[in-house]
Amino acid sequence: MTDKVSIVMPSYNTGKFISETVRSVLAQTYQNWELLIVDDCSTDNTDEVICQFLGDARIRYMKNDKNSGAAVSRNRALREATGKWIAFLDSDDLWESDKLQKQISFMKDNGYHFSYTNYIEIDEESRPNGKSVTGPKRITKHGMYNYCWMGCLTVMYDAEKVGLIQIEDIKKNNDYAMWLKVCRMSDCYLLNETLARYRKRSGSISNHGYMKLIKWHYRLYRNAEGRNPISSLVLTVRNLFFGVIKKFKYVRG
């Protein structure tokens, strides 16, 4: 437990959920971590909920000056991170108590610098909805362009290998933009265990229609990756194709 983990947690109006999320971090068997919560000008009771945890010196709470989106919040947390390992947990999702310990052991034992795990979906009352998600055993740079195979809440990478990651200010798919940068430094490997719980909420990106998804993917390649219009369109179409493959091959329930 000598290597610190920096946990990146953007928050916005998740006062209903964030207490349970933070408690899932406090419950980790691997205790050498710092939790970097960056609040994006929440208008609910997020401040009040977080204040009860600030007696723990490992929890750092920052607030954006104006509502800026998850990309800006994640960038800020990554600039503040001091750990060897970088992990991600959105403020409404949950980890199993041995998530960090198992994932760090998996990476160190195999010499990996970038990894992810399986996860299950839960509803707004934290009840499993019967759906579980996995992915390819190894994701190369080429494979990462095919699709965003990983759940953000499961990802971890070695900051000493990868360096500081900063992404363009895009409103959707900003986690995917990060993985595209990290994968240039290292392939990504699957720890084939279910170690996280993703909360499926009514406003989830996965609940939006295909036209919006197409638009967001195009903007990812065009704006965040700097691809030309034709390349961005080709990558978007390819992404939709591999999205169908993921649904049938890697999603159960």
C-alpha atoms as a PDB file:
ATOM      1  CA  MET A   1       0.000   0.000   0.000  1.00  0.00           C
ATOM      2  CA  THR A   2       2.954   2.326  -0.568  1.00  0.00           C
ATOM      3  CA  ASP A   3       1.631   3.825  -3.828  1.00  0.00           C
ATOM      4  CA  LYS A   4      -1.055   6.472  -3.518  1.00  0.00           C
ATOM      5  CA  VAL A   5      -4.206   6.403  -5.648  1.00  0.00           C
ATOM      6  CA  SER A   6      -5.715   9.709  -6.763  1.00  0.00           C
ATOM      7  CA  ILE A   7      -9.468   9.317  -7.255  1.00  0.00           C
ATOM      8  CA  VAL A   8     -11.038  11.820  -9.665  1.00  0.00           C
ATOM      9  CA  MET A   9     -14.656  12.645  -8.835  1.00  0.00           C
ATOM     10  CA  PRO A  10     -16.551  15.421 -10.659  1.00  0.00           C
ATOM     11  CA  SER A  11     -19.862  16.326  -9.027  1.00  0.00           C
ATOM     12  CA  TYR A  12     -22.962  18.225 -10.032  1.00  0.00           C
ATOM     13  CA  ASN A  13     -26.267  18.046  -8.182  1.00  0.00           C
ATOM     14  CA  THR A  14     -25.692  14.560  -6.807  1.00  0.00           C
ATOM     15  CA  GLY A  15     -26.490  15.334  -3.182  1.00  0.00           C
ATOM     16  CA  LYS A  16     -28.901  12.408  -3.200  1.00  0.00           C
ATOM     17  CA  PHE A  17     -26.150   9.925  -4.094  1.00  0.00           C
ATOM     18  CA  ILE A  18     -22.714  11.286  -3.261  1.00  0.00           C
ATOM     19  CA  SER A  19     -22.708  10.230   0.404  1.00  0.00           C
ATOM     20  CA  GLU A  20     -23.054   6.571  -0.585  1.00  0.00           C
ATOM     21  CA  THR A  21     -20.371   7.060  -3.241  1.00  0.00           C
ATOM     22  CA  VAL A  22     -17.856   8.583  -0.823  1.00  0.00           C
ATOM     23  CA  ARG A  23     -18.585   5.840   1.709  1.00  0.00           C
ATOM     24  CA  SER A  24     -17.695   3.242  -0.924  1.00  0.00           C
ATOM     25  CA  VAL A  25     -14.276   4.921  -1.138  1.00  0.00           C
ATOM     26  CA  LEU A  26     -13.869   5.064   2.638  1.00  0.00           C
ATOM     27  CA  ALA A  27     -14.658   1.339   2.773  1.00  0.00           C
ATOM     28  CA  GLN A  28     -11.776   0.380   0.479  1.00  0.00           C
ATOM     29  CA  THR A  29      -9.379  -2.255   1.807  1.00  0.00           C
ATOM     30  CA  TYR A  30      -6.610  -0.271   0.070  1.00  0.00           C
ATOM     31  CA  GLN A  31      -6.421   2.893   2.149  1.00  0.00           C
ATOM     32  CA  ASN A  32      -3.573   4.913   0.597  1.00  0.00           C
ATOM     33  CA  TRP A  33      -5.704   7.222  -1.529  1.00  0.00           C
ATOM     34  CA  GLU A  34      -6.758  10.820  -2.000  1.00  0.00           C
ATOM     35  CA  LEU A  35     -10.248  11.718  -3.177  1.00  0.00           C
ATOM     36  CA  LEU A  36     -10.394  14.817  -5.382  1.00  0.00           C
ATOM     37  CA  ILE A  37     -13.988  16.041  -5.573  1.00  0.00           C
ATOM     38  CA  VAL A  38     -14.536  18.933  -7.979  1.00  0.00           C
ATOM     39  CA  ASP A  39     -18.030  20.389  -7.728  1.00  0.00           C
ATOM     40  CA  ASP A  40     -19.402  22.174 -10.796  1.00  0.00           C
ATOM     41  CA  CYS A  41     -21.551  24.771  -9.006  1.00  0.00           C
ATOM     42  CA  SER A  42     -24.222  22.399  -7.724  1.00  0.00           C
ATOM     43  CA  THR A  43     -27.543  23.981  -6.806  1.00  0.00           C
ATOM     44  CA  ASP A  44     -28.714  21.180  -4.504  1.00  0.00           C
ATOM     45  CA  ASN A  45     -27.370  20.095  -1.091  1.00  0.00           C
ATOM     46  CA  THR A  46     -24.086  18.626  -2.353  1.00  0.00           C
ATOM     47  CA  ASP A  47     -22.047  21.079  -0.230  1.00  0.00           C
ATOM     48  CA  GLU A  48     -23.904  20.110   2.908  1.00  0.00           C
ATOM     49  CA  VAL A  49     -23.453  16.401   2.266  1.00  0.00           C
ATOM     50  CA  ILE A  50     -19.725  16.653   1.489  1.00  0.00           C
ATOM     51  CA  CYS A  51     -18.970  18.765   4.565  1.00  0.00           C
ATOM     52  CA  GLN A  52     -19.583  15.757   6.829  1.00  0.00           C
ATOM     53  CA  PHE A  53     -16.599  13.973   5.239  1.00  0.00           C
ATOM     54  CA  LEU A  54     -14.048  16.787   5.250  1.00  0.00           C
ATOM     55  CA  GLY A  55     -12.600  15.727   8.602  1.00  0.00           C
ATOM     56  CA  ASP A  56     -10.736  13.060   6.615  1.00  0.00           C
ATOM     57  CA  ALA A  57      -7.579  14.761   5.297  1.00  0.00           C
ATOM     58  CA  ARG A  58      -7.529  12.447   2.277  1.00  0.00           C
ATOM     59  CA  ILE A  59     -10.679  14.094   0.901  1.00  0.00           C
ATOM     60  CA  ARG A  60     -10.127  17.354  -0.982  1.00  0.00           C
ATOM     61  CA  TYR A  61     -13.148  19.379  -2.035  1.00  0.00           C
ATOM     62  CA  MET A  62     -12.842  21.993  -4.780  1.00  0.00           C
ATOM     63  CA  LYS A  63     -15.485  24.128  -6.483  1.00  0.00           C
ATOM     64  CA  ASN A  64     -15.454  25.591  -9.971  1.00  0.00           C
ATOM     65  CA  ASP A  65     -16.019  29.343 -10.254  1.00  0.00           C
ATOM     66  CA  LYS A  66     -18.744  28.750 -12.823  1.00  0.00           C
ATOM     67  CA  ASN A  67     -20.632  25.772 -14.200  1.00  0.00           C
ATOM     68  CA  SER A  68     -18.208  24.353 -16.757  1.00  0.00           C
ATOM     69  CA  GLY A  69     -18.932  20.668 -17.340  1.00  0.00           C
ATOM     70  CA  ALA A  70     -17.285  17.373 -16.414  1.00  0.00           C
ATOM     71  CA  ALA A  71     -14.295  17.812 -18.740  1.00  0.00           C
ATOM     72  CA  VAL A  72     -13.160  20.976 -16.933  1.00  0.00           C
ATOM     73  CA  SER A  73     -13.764  19.349 -13.539  1.00  0.00           C
ATOM     74  CA  ARG A  74     -11.778  16.226 -14.436  1.00  0.00           C
ATOM     75  CA  ASN A  75      -8.936  18.320 -15.867  1.00  0.00           C
ATOM     76  CA  ARG A  76      -8.722  20.286 -12.632  1.00  0.00           C
ATOM     77  CA  ALA A  77      -8.650  17.158 -10.487  1.00  0.00           C
ATOM     78  CA  LEU A  78      -5.945  15.616 -12.684  1.00  0.00           C
ATOM     79  CA  ARG A  79      -3.781  18.728 -12.282  1.00  0.00           C
ATOM     80  CA  GLU A  80      -4.151  18.459  -8.500  1.00  0.00           C
ATOM     81  CA  ALA A  81      -3.507  14.705  -8.319  1.00  0.00           C
ATOM     82  CA  THR A  82      -0.376  13.540  -6.494  1.00  0.00           C
ATOM     83  CA  GLY A  83      -0.784   9.749  -6.687  1.00  0.00           C
ATOM     84  CA  LYS A  84       1.026   7.196  -8.818  1.00  0.00           C
ATOM     85  CA  TRP A  85      -2.299   5.652  -9.775  1.00  0.00           C
ATOM     86  CA  ILE A  86      -5.249   7.602 -11.213  1.00  0.00           C
ATOM     87  CA  ALA A  87      -8.751   6.182 -10.758  1.00  0.00           C
ATOM     88  CA  PHE A  88     -12.149   7.576 -11.687  1.00  0.00           C
ATOM     89  CA  LEU A  89     -15.468   7.465  -9.853  1.00  0.00           C
ATOM     90  CA  ASP A  90     -18.444   9.634 -10.725  1.00  0.00           C
ATOM     91  CA  SER A  91     -20.344  11.041  -7.767  1.00  0.00           C
ATOM     92  CA  ASP A  92     -23.339   8.719  -8.134  1.00  0.00           C
ATOM     93  CA  ASP A  93     -21.513   5.430  -8.797  1.00  0.00           C
ATOM     94  CA  LEU A  94     -20.132   2.858  -6.348  1.00  0.00           C
ATOM     95  CA  TRP A  95     -17.110   0.607  -5.854  1.00  0.00           C
ATOM     96  CA  GLU A  96     -16.852  -2.782  -4.216  1.00  0.00           C
ATOM     97  CA  SER A  97     -14.655  -2.600  -1.111  1.00  0.00           C
ATOM     98  CA  ASP A  98     -11.716  -4.498  -2.665  1.00  0.00           C
ATOM     99  CA  LYS A  99     -11.752  -2.664  -6.002  1.00  0.00           C
ATOM    100  CA  LEU A 100      -8.560  -0.669  -5.536  1.00  0.00           C
ATOM    101  CA  GLN A 101      -6.613  -3.478  -3.900  1.00  0.00           C
ATOM    102  CA  LYS A 102      -7.450  -6.022  -6.591  1.00  0.00           C
ATOM    103  CA  GLN A 103      -6.882  -3.659  -9.494  1.00  0.00           C
ATOM    104  CA  ILE A 104      -3.510  -2.407  -8.261  1.00  0.00           C
ATOM    105  CA  SER A 105      -2.341  -5.974  -7.599  1.00  0.00           C
ATOM    106  CA  PHE A 106      -3.514  -6.975 -11.098  1.00  0.00           C
ATOM    107  CA  MET A 107      -1.543  -4.149 -12.706  1.00  0.00           C
ATOM    108  CA  LYS A 108       1.614  -4.553 -10.644  1.00  0.00           C
ATOM    109  CA  ASP A 109       1.719  -8.339 -10.963  1.00  0.00           C
ATOM    110  CA  ASN A 110       1.412  -8.132 -14.764  1.00  0.00           C
ATOM    111  CA  GLY A 111       3.357  -4.931 -15.434  1.00  0.00           C
ATOM    112  CA  TYR A 112       0.263  -3.172 -16.801  1.00  0.00           C
ATOM    113  CA  HIS A 113      -0.150   0.618 -16.826  1.00  0.00           C
ATOM    114  CA  PHE A 114      -3.812   0.933 -17.869  1.00  0.00           C
ATOM    115  CA  SER A 115      -6.732  -1.282 -16.868  1.00  0.00           C
ATOM    116  CA  TYR A 116     -10.459  -1.576 -16.284  1.00  0.00           C
ATOM    117  CA  THR A 117     -12.918  -4.008 -14.689  1.00  0.00           C
ATOM    118  CA  ASN A 118     -16.416  -5.345 -15.181  1.00  0.00           C
ATOM    119  CA  TYR A 119     -19.376  -3.565 -13.598  1.00  0.00           C
ATOM    120  CA  ILE A 120     -23.070  -4.015 -12.972  1.00  0.00           C
ATOM    121  CA  GLU A 121     -25.858  -1.478 -13.353  1.00  0.00           C
ATOM    122  CA  ILE A 122     -28.009  -0.263 -10.459  1.00  0.00           C
ATOM    123  CA  ASP A 123     -31.051   1.995 -10.362  1.00  0.00           C
ATOM    124  CA  GLU A 124     -31.524   5.259  -8.480  1.00  0.00           C
ATOM    125  CA  GLU A 125     -32.329   3.301  -5.323  1.00  0.00           C
ATOM    126  CA  SER A 126     -29.054   1.299  -5.582  1.00  0.00           C
ATOM    127  CA  ARG A 127     -30.841  -1.872  -6.636  1.00  0.00           C
ATOM    128  CA  PRO A 128     -29.194  -4.046  -9.338  1.00  0.00           C
ATOM    129  CA  ASN A 129     -31.214  -4.059 -12.562  1.00  0.00           C
ATOM    130  CA  GLY A 130     -29.818  -7.399 -13.750  1.00  0.00           C
ATOM    131  CA  LYS A 131     -27.394  -5.972 -16.334  1.00  0.00           C
ATOM    132  CA  SER A 132     -23.632  -6.630 -16.236  1.00  0.00           C
ATOM    133  CA  VAL A 133     -20.977  -5.231 -18.581  1.00  0.00           C
ATOM    134  CA  THR A 134     -17.520  -6.507 -19.514  1.00  0.00           C
ATOM    135  CA  GLY A 135     -15.240  -5.935 -22.510  1.00  0.00           C
ATOM    136  CA  PRO A 136     -12.206  -7.113 -24.506  1.00  0.00           C
ATOM    137  CA  LYS A 137      -9.288  -8.617 -22.594  1.00  0.00           C
ATOM    138  CA  ARG A 138      -6.885  -6.177 -24.249  1.00  0.00           C
ATOM    139  CA  ILE A 139      -7.615  -2.853 -25.927  1.00  0.00           C
ATOM    140  CA  THR A 140      -4.954  -1.437 -28.232  1.00  0.00           C
ATOM    141  CA  LYS A 141      -4.886   2.117 -29.556  1.00  0.00           C
ATOM    142  CA  HIS A 142      -6.657   0.927 -32.709  1.00  0.00           C
ATOM    143  CA  GLY A 143      -9.241  -0.942 -30.644  1.00  0.00           C
ATOM    144  CA  MET A 144      -9.887   2.115 -28.485  1.00  0.00           C
ATOM    145  CA  TYR A 145     -10.836   4.111 -31.572  1.00  0.00           C
ATOM    146  CA  ASN A 146     -13.364   1.422 -32.431  1.00  0.00           C
ATOM    147  CA  TYR A 147     -15.376   2.024 -29.274  1.00  0.00           C
ATOM    148  CA  CYS A 148     -15.295   3.219 -25.659  1.00  0.00           C
ATOM    149  CA  TRP A 149     -15.340  -0.283 -24.169  1.00  0.00           C
ATOM    150  CA  MET A 150     -14.747   0.661 -20.522  1.00  0.00           C
ATOM    151  CA  GLY A 151     -16.958   2.122 -17.838  1.00  0.00           C
ATOM    152  CA  CYS A 152     -15.348   5.287 -16.477  1.00  0.00           C
ATOM    153  CA  LEU A 153     -15.885   4.115 -12.887  1.00  0.00           C
ATOM    154  CA  THR A 154     -13.674   1.067 -13.497  1.00  0.00           C
ATOM    155  CA  VAL A 155     -10.634   2.692 -15.120  1.00  0.00           C
ATOM    156  CA  MET A 156      -7.188   3.086 -13.556  1.00  0.00           C
ATOM    157  CA  TYR A 157      -3.863   4.127 -15.069  1.00  0.00           C
ATOM    158  CA  ASP A 158      -0.264   4.696 -13.997  1.00  0.00           C
ATOM    159  CA  ALA A 159       0.388   8.447 -13.951  1.00  0.00           C
ATOM    160  CA  GLU A 160       4.160   7.908 -13.884  1.00  0.00           C
ATOM    161  CA  LYS A 161       3.922   6.097 -17.222  1.00  0.00           C
ATOM    162  CA  VAL A 162       1.157   8.148 -18.833  1.00  0.00           C
ATOM    163  CA  GLY A 163       1.876  11.653 -17.532  1.00  0.00           C
ATOM    164  CA  LEU A 164      -0.619  14.474 -17.073  1.00  0.00           C
ATOM    165  CA  ILE A 165      -3.752  14.077 -19.197  1.00  0.00           C
ATOM    166  CA  GLN A 166      -5.795  17.150 -20.141  1.00  0.00           C
ATOM    167  CA  ILE A 167      -8.664  17.026 -22.609  1.00  0.00           C
ATOM    168  CA  GLU A 168     -10.595  19.481 -24.721  1.00  0.00           C
ATOM    169  CA  ASP A 169     -13.713  21.043 -23.201  1.00  0.00           C
ATOM    170  CA  ILE A 170     -16.335  18.811 -24.783  1.00  0.00           C
ATOM    171  CA  LYS A 171     -19.637  18.335 -22.964  1.00  0.00           C
ATOM    172  CA  LYS A 172     -20.144  14.641 -23.766  1.00  0.00           C
ATOM    173  CA  ASN A 173     -17.760  11.692 -24.170  1.00  0.00           C
ATOM    174  CA  ASN A 174     -15.020  13.506 -22.249  1.00  0.00           C
ATOM    175  CA  ASP A 175     -14.066  10.277 -20.477  1.00  0.00           C
ATOM    176  CA  TYR A 176     -13.632   8.605 -23.881  1.00  0.00           C
ATOM    177  CA  ALA A 177     -11.402  11.523 -24.919  1.00  0.00           C
ATOM    178  CA  MET A 178      -9.163  10.705 -21.943  1.00  0.00           C
ATOM    179  CA  TRP A 179      -8.895   7.016 -22.816  1.00  0.00           C
ATOM    180  CA  LEU A 180      -7.894   7.861 -26.388  1.00  0.00           C
ATOM    181  CA  LYS A 181      -4.978   9.877 -24.991  1.00  0.00           C
ATOM    182  CA  VAL A 182      -3.965   7.304 -22.382  1.00  0.00           C
ATOM    183  CA  CYS A 183      -4.044   4.453 -24.909  1.00  0.00           C
ATOM    184  CA  ARG A 184      -1.297   6.167 -26.911  1.00  0.00           C
ATOM    185  CA  MET A 185       0.973   5.428 -23.964  1.00  0.00           C
ATOM    186  CA  SER A 186      -0.248   1.960 -23.022  1.00  0.00           C
ATOM    187  CA  ASP A 187      -2.665  -0.757 -24.043  1.00  0.00           C
ATOM    188  CA  CYS A 188      -5.578  -1.301 -21.666  1.00  0.00           C
ATOM    189  CA  TYR A 189      -6.236  -4.659 -19.970  1.00  0.00           C
ATOM    190  CA  LEU A 190      -9.368  -6.154 -18.439  1.00  0.00           C
ATOM    191  CA  LEU A 191      -9.454  -7.386 -14.859  1.00  0.00           C
ATOM    192  CA  ASN A 192     -12.260  -9.859 -15.360  1.00  0.00           C
ATOM    193  CA  GLU A 193     -14.044  -9.260 -12.045  1.00  0.00           C
ATOM    194  CA  THR A 194     -17.109  -7.183 -11.214  1.00  0.00           C
ATOM    195  CA  LEU A 195     -15.782  -4.476  -8.904  1.00  0.00           C
ATOM    196  CA  ALA A 196     -18.059  -1.484  -9.538  1.00  0.00           C
ATOM    197  CA  ARG A 197     -21.699  -0.459  -9.747  1.00  0.00           C
ATOM    198  CA  TYR A 198     -22.866   2.061 -12.334  1.00  0.00           C
ATOM    199  CA  ARG A 199     -25.993   4.013 -11.479  1.00  0.00           C
ATOM    200  CA  LYS A 200     -28.352   4.203 -14.454  1.00  0.00           C
ATOM    201  CA  ARG A 201     -30.284   7.435 -14.043  1.00  0.00           C
ATOM    202  CA  SER A 202     -33.069   8.958 -16.103  1.00  0.00           C
ATOM    203  CA  GLY A 203     -30.708  11.614 -17.532  1.00  0.00           C
ATOM    204  CA  SER A 204     -27.988   9.146 -18.507  1.00  0.00           C
ATOM    205  CA  ILE A 205     -26.264   9.653 -21.870  1.00  0.00           C
ATOM    206  CA  SER A 206     -27.150   6.052 -22.735  1.00  0.00           C
ATOM    207  CA  ASN A 207     -30.835   7.009 -22.609  1.00  0.00           C
ATOM    208  CA  HIS A 208     -30.549   9.553 -25.417  1.00  0.00           C
ATOM    209  CA  GLY A 209     -31.470   8.907 -29.049  1.00  0.00           C
ATOM    210  CA  TYR A 210     -29.100   7.774 -31.765  1.00  0.00           C
ATOM    211  CA  MET A 211     -28.971  11.146 -33.511  1.00  0.00           C
ATOM    212  CA  LYS A 212     -27.642  12.828 -30.384  1.00  0.00           C
ATOM    213  CA  LEU A 213     -25.143  10.021 -29.850  1.00  0.00           C
ATOM    214  CA  ILE A 214     -23.919  10.400 -33.442  1.00  0.00           C
ATOM    215  CA  LYS A 215     -23.495  14.147 -32.965  1.00  0.00           C
ATOM    216  CA  TRP A 216     -21.542  13.714 -29.723  1.00  0.00           C
ATOM    217  CA  HIS A 217     -19.251  11.068 -31.196  1.00  0.00           C
ATOM    218  CA  TYR A 218     -18.565  13.221 -34.248  1.00  0.00           C
ATOM    219  CA  ARG A 219     -17.651  16.160 -32.029  1.00  0.00           C
ATOM    220  CA  LEU A 220     -15.334  13.933 -30.007  1.00  0.00           C
ATOM    221  CA  TYR A 221     -13.269  13.033 -33.067  1.00  0.00           C
ATOM    222  CA  ARG A 222     -13.563  16.444 -34.730  1.00  0.00           C
ATOM    223  CA  ASN A 223     -13.014  18.742 -31.736  1.00  0.00           C
ATOM    224  CA  ALA A 224     -11.177  16.721 -29.089  1.00  0.00           C
ATOM    225  CA  GLU A 225      -9.063  14.643 -31.485  1.00  0.00           C
ATOM    226  CA  GLY A 226      -8.652  17.298 -34.193  1.00  0.00           C
ATOM    227  CA  ARG A 227      -9.601  14.950 -37.032  1.00  0.00           C
ATOM    228  CA  ASN A 228     -10.782  16.292 -40.369  1.00  0.00           C
ATOM    229  CA  PRO A 229     -14.520  16.053 -41.178  1.00  0.00           C
ATOM    230  CA  ILE A 230     -14.248  12.911 -43.332  1.00  0.00           C
ATOM    231  CA  SER A 231     -12.092  11.054 -40.821  1.00  0.00           C
ATOM    232  CA  SER A 232     -14.436  12.105 -38.003  1.00  0.00           C
ATOM    233  CA  LEU A 233     -17.450  10.811 -39.915  1.00  0.00           C
ATOM    234  CA  VAL A 234     -15.760   7.483 -40.720  1.00  0.00           C
ATOM    235  CA  LEU A 235     -14.745   7.008 -37.070  1.00  0.00           C
ATOM    236  CA  THR A 236     -18.295   7.850 -35.942  1.00  0.00           C
ATOM    237  CA  VAL A 237     -19.825   5.243 -38.266  1.00  0.00           C
ATOM    238  CA  ARG A 238     -17.256   2.668 -37.153  1.00  0.00           C
ATOM    239  CA  ASN A 239     -18.048   3.508 -33.536  1.00  0.00           C
ATOM    240  CA  LEU A 240     -21.744   2.817 -34.086  1.00  0.00           C
ATOM    241  CA  PHE A 241     -20.913  -0.544 -35.636  1.00  0.00           C
ATOM    242  CA  PHE A 242     -18.749  -1.630 -32.708  1.00  0.00           C
ATOM    243  CA  GLY A 243     -21.373  -0.314 -30.304  1.00  0.00           C
ATOM    244  CA  VAL A 244     -23.712  -2.998 -31.639  1.00  0.00           C
ATOM    245  CA  ILE A 245     -20.967  -5.595 -31.136  1.00  0.00           C
ATOM    246  CA  LYS A 246     -20.493  -4.489 -27.537  1.00  0.00           C
ATOM    247  CA  LYS A 247     -24.217  -4.733 -26.834  1.00  0.00           C
ATOM    248  CA  PHE A 248     -24.432  -8.339 -28.041  1.00  0.00           C
ATOM    249  CA  LYS A 249     -21.015  -9.614 -26.984  1.00  0.00           C
ATOM    250  CA  TYR A 250     -20.200  -7.859 -23.720  1.00  0.00           C
ATOM    251  CA  VAL A 251     -23.512  -6.827 -22.107  1.00  0.00           C
ATOM    252  CA  ARG A 252     -25.533  -9.423 -20.209  1.00  0.00           C
ATOM    253  CA  GLY A 253     -29.027  -9.102 -18.831  1.00  0.00           C
END
